[in-house]
Protein backbone atom coordinates (compact mmCIF):
# COMPACT_ATOMS: atom_id res chain seq x y z
CA MET A 1 99.72 -26.30 -9.65
CA SER A 2 97.59 -23.26 -10.37
CA ILE A 3 94.80 -22.05 -8.10
CA ILE A 4 92.90 -20.85 -11.17
CA ALA A 5 90.45 -23.23 -12.82
CA GLU A 6 90.89 -24.13 -16.48
CA THR A 7 87.34 -22.95 -17.22
CA PRO A 8 85.95 -20.18 -15.00
CA ALA A 9 82.52 -20.74 -13.50
CA THR A 10 79.66 -18.35 -14.18
CA GLN A 11 79.18 -17.70 -10.49
CA ILE A 12 81.01 -18.05 -7.22
CA PRO A 13 80.35 -21.53 -5.79
CA ALA A 14 77.86 -21.60 -2.91
CA GLY A 15 79.23 -21.22 0.58
CA THR A 16 81.29 -18.80 2.63
CA TRP A 17 84.78 -17.86 1.44
CA PHE A 18 87.26 -16.02 3.68
CA ILE A 19 89.44 -13.48 1.87
CA ASP A 20 93.07 -14.33 2.55
CA PRO A 21 95.02 -11.05 2.93
CA VAL A 22 98.32 -12.86 2.38
CA TRP A 23 97.29 -13.96 -1.12
CA SER A 24 95.11 -10.91 -1.86
CA SER A 25 95.67 -7.21 -2.42
CA LEU A 26 93.75 -3.96 -2.05
CA GLU A 27 95.23 -0.98 -3.86
CA PHE A 28 94.35 2.54 -4.91
CA GLU A 29 95.80 4.96 -7.43
CA VAL A 30 95.55 8.71 -7.91
CA ARG A 31 97.28 10.73 -10.64
CA LYS A 32 99.22 13.49 -8.89
CA VAL A 33 99.40 16.68 -10.98
CA GLY A 34 97.26 14.72 -13.43
CA LEU A 35 100.37 12.84 -14.62
CA ILE A 36 102.16 10.75 -12.04
CA PRO A 37 100.37 7.68 -10.69
CA ILE A 38 100.71 7.49 -6.91
CA LYS A 39 99.77 4.03 -5.73
CA GLY A 40 98.82 2.90 -2.29
CA ARG A 41 98.29 -0.47 -0.73
CA VAL A 42 96.18 -1.69 2.15
CA PRO A 43 97.80 -4.64 3.95
CA GLY A 44 95.36 -4.62 6.89
CA PHE A 45 91.98 -5.93 5.79
CA ASP A 46 89.64 -8.87 6.13
CA GLY A 47 86.45 -9.93 4.47
CA THR A 48 84.13 -12.64 3.28
CA ILE A 49 82.55 -13.62 0.02
CA GLU A 50 79.27 -15.50 -0.03
CA GLY A 51 78.82 -17.59 -3.14
CA GLY A 52 75.79 -18.99 -4.88
CA ASP A 53 72.68 -17.31 -6.26
CA GLU A 54 72.75 -14.58 -3.61
CA ALA A 55 76.46 -13.74 -3.85
CA SER A 56 77.82 -10.95 -1.66
CA ILE A 57 81.12 -9.42 -0.63
CA GLU A 58 81.87 -7.66 2.63
CA GLY A 59 85.09 -6.35 4.08
CA THR A 60 86.75 -4.03 6.55
CA VAL A 61 90.02 -2.13 6.17
CA ASP A 62 92.30 -0.98 8.99
CA ALA A 63 92.75 2.67 7.94
CA THR A 64 96.01 2.93 9.86
CA SER A 65 97.55 0.23 7.62
CA ILE A 66 97.16 2.25 4.39
CA THR A 67 100.55 2.94 2.84
CA THR A 68 102.01 4.66 -0.21
CA PHE A 69 105.51 3.61 0.92
CA ASP A 70 106.43 7.20 1.82
CA GLU A 71 106.35 8.04 5.53
CA THR A 72 105.55 11.75 5.10
CA ARG A 73 102.73 11.15 2.60
CA ASP A 74 101.37 8.28 4.71
CA GLY A 75 101.26 10.55 7.76
CA HIS A 76 99.28 13.11 5.74
CA LEU A 77 96.87 10.38 4.58
CA GLN A 78 96.24 9.41 8.22
CA SER A 79 95.44 13.03 9.15
CA PRO A 80 91.99 14.70 9.16
CA ASP A 81 92.79 16.00 5.63
CA PHE A 82 92.20 12.47 4.31
CA PHE A 83 91.29 9.31 6.25
CA ASP A 84 91.28 10.85 9.75
CA SER A 85 92.22 7.41 11.03
CA GLU A 86 92.22 8.47 14.67
CA ARG A 87 88.48 9.21 14.48
CA TYR A 88 87.66 6.68 11.74
CA PRO A 89 89.99 3.68 12.19
CA GLU A 90 88.07 1.49 9.75
CA LEU A 91 86.79 1.67 6.19
CA HIS A 92 83.98 -0.68 5.22
CA PHE A 93 82.48 -2.17 2.06
CA SER A 94 79.27 -4.17 1.79
CA SER A 95 77.86 -5.31 -1.53
CA THR A 96 74.20 -4.72 -2.34
CA HIS A 97 74.16 -6.70 -5.60
CA VAL A 98 76.53 -9.07 -7.41
CA SER A 99 75.85 -10.17 -10.99
CA PHE A 100 77.68 -12.34 -13.51
CA ASP A 101 77.93 -12.48 -17.27
CA ALA A 102 80.17 -15.47 -18.07
CA ASP A 103 83.39 -14.76 -16.12
CA GLU A 104 82.66 -11.00 -15.89
CA VAL A 105 81.37 -9.79 -12.54
CA ARG A 106 79.67 -6.54 -11.52
CA VAL A 107 79.48 -5.59 -7.85
CA LEU A 108 77.32 -2.77 -6.53
CA GLY A 109 77.84 -1.86 -2.91
CA ASP A 110 78.20 0.70 -0.18
CA LEU A 111 81.63 2.06 0.71
CA THR A 112 82.15 3.90 3.99
CA LEU A 113 85.09 6.32 4.37
CA GLN A 114 85.37 8.88 7.18
CA GLY A 115 81.88 7.94 8.38
CA THR A 116 80.33 8.74 4.96
CA THR A 117 78.66 5.91 3.04
CA LYS A 118 78.16 6.13 -0.73
CA PRO A 119 77.25 3.61 -3.43
CA VAL A 120 80.07 2.36 -5.65
CA GLU A 121 80.34 0.04 -8.65
CA LEU A 122 83.19 -2.40 -9.18
CA THR A 123 83.66 -4.58 -12.23
CA GLY A 124 86.06 -7.35 -13.01
CA ARG A 125 86.48 -11.05 -13.46
CA PHE A 126 85.74 -14.15 -11.49
CA LEU A 127 88.89 -16.18 -12.06
CA GLY A 128 87.55 -19.57 -11.01
CA THR A 129 88.28 -22.16 -8.35
CA GLY A 130 91.10 -24.52 -7.57
CA PRO A 131 93.13 -26.15 -4.79
CA ASP A 132 96.12 -24.53 -3.14
CA LEU A 133 99.25 -26.42 -2.03
CA ALA A 134 97.64 -27.42 1.26
CA GLY A 135 94.57 -28.82 -0.52
CA ASN A 136 92.27 -25.95 0.46
CA GLU A 137 89.69 -24.93 -2.13
CA ARG A 138 90.21 -21.32 -3.25
CA ILE A 139 88.54 -18.84 -5.54
CA GLY A 140 90.05 -15.89 -7.40
CA LEU A 141 88.34 -12.56 -8.06
CA GLU A 142 89.61 -9.28 -9.56
CA LEU A 143 87.65 -6.02 -9.20
CA GLU A 144 88.23 -2.38 -10.15
CA GLY A 145 86.28 0.85 -9.89
CA THR A 146 86.65 4.59 -9.55
CA ILE A 147 85.31 6.85 -6.82
CA ASP A 148 85.18 10.60 -6.37
CA ARG A 149 87.08 11.12 -3.11
CA THR A 150 85.32 14.45 -2.42
CA GLU A 151 81.98 12.63 -2.11
CA PHE A 152 83.43 10.99 1.01
CA GLY A 153 84.70 14.24 2.54
CA LEU A 154 88.32 13.80 1.37
CA GLU A 155 88.54 17.30 -0.06
CA TRP A 156 92.10 18.42 0.72
CA ASN A 157 93.97 19.75 -2.29
CA ALA A 158 96.67 22.28 -3.16
CA PRO A 159 96.56 24.77 -6.04
CA LEU A 160 99.35 24.57 -8.62
CA PRO A 161 101.26 27.72 -9.63
CA GLY A 162 100.17 27.43 -13.28
CA GLY A 163 96.55 26.66 -12.41
CA GLY A 164 94.71 23.51 -11.53
CA PHE A 165 95.24 21.37 -8.46
CA LEU A 166 97.72 18.81 -7.16
CA LEU A 167 95.20 15.98 -6.87
CA PRO A 168 92.28 14.91 -9.04
CA ASN A 169 89.02 13.88 -7.41
CA ALA A 170 89.03 10.47 -9.13
CA VAL A 171 90.65 7.58 -7.27
CA THR A 172 90.94 4.13 -8.85
CA LEU A 173 90.35 1.18 -6.52
CA ARG A 174 91.66 -2.32 -7.30
CA ALA A 175 91.09 -5.57 -5.45
CA THR A 176 92.52 -8.99 -6.19
CA PHE A 177 91.06 -11.58 -3.89
CA ALA A 178 92.09 -15.14 -3.19
CA ALA A 179 89.57 -16.59 -0.80
CA VAL A 180 89.49 -19.97 0.91
CA ARG A 181 86.32 -21.95 1.56
CA ALA A 182 85.17 -21.84 5.18
CA ALA A 183 85.40 -25.17 6.96
């Protein structure tokens, strides 16, 4: 049995939906040396989606849970050069506007990293609704966007011997949410 509806709705059904981190994923990608995609994942997060005419999405990330599956790189990401997770243990997102065009969704919101809040835009697809194996009603949502990390104070970089820098400023963010209707 699929959790995805045969025909996606044009909006998230009314009500509160809790994002299930077990069925969901938050990821980021940066192209090191402009070539090699380095991907990271965020296992520690929670959030809610409000459906209906005034749809919204809000969530918090445990900055200490961010991983690229390399202990040395992860330690550097936790340092003041990047997330400074000792001083800023959480990242936060709060939507300011959610709009739909058929199954396409556009989310405008405020992202807070290292105590700096900036507007971001995410686009993607509302995948629909359906029951899970336990009979809970679920929704599916995929979103993606790009931020300039330096706008949030994440400015560390290293010059390359032939010119240019190790890291680009652009970071791609991806979210795949499976959320369950609140009781």
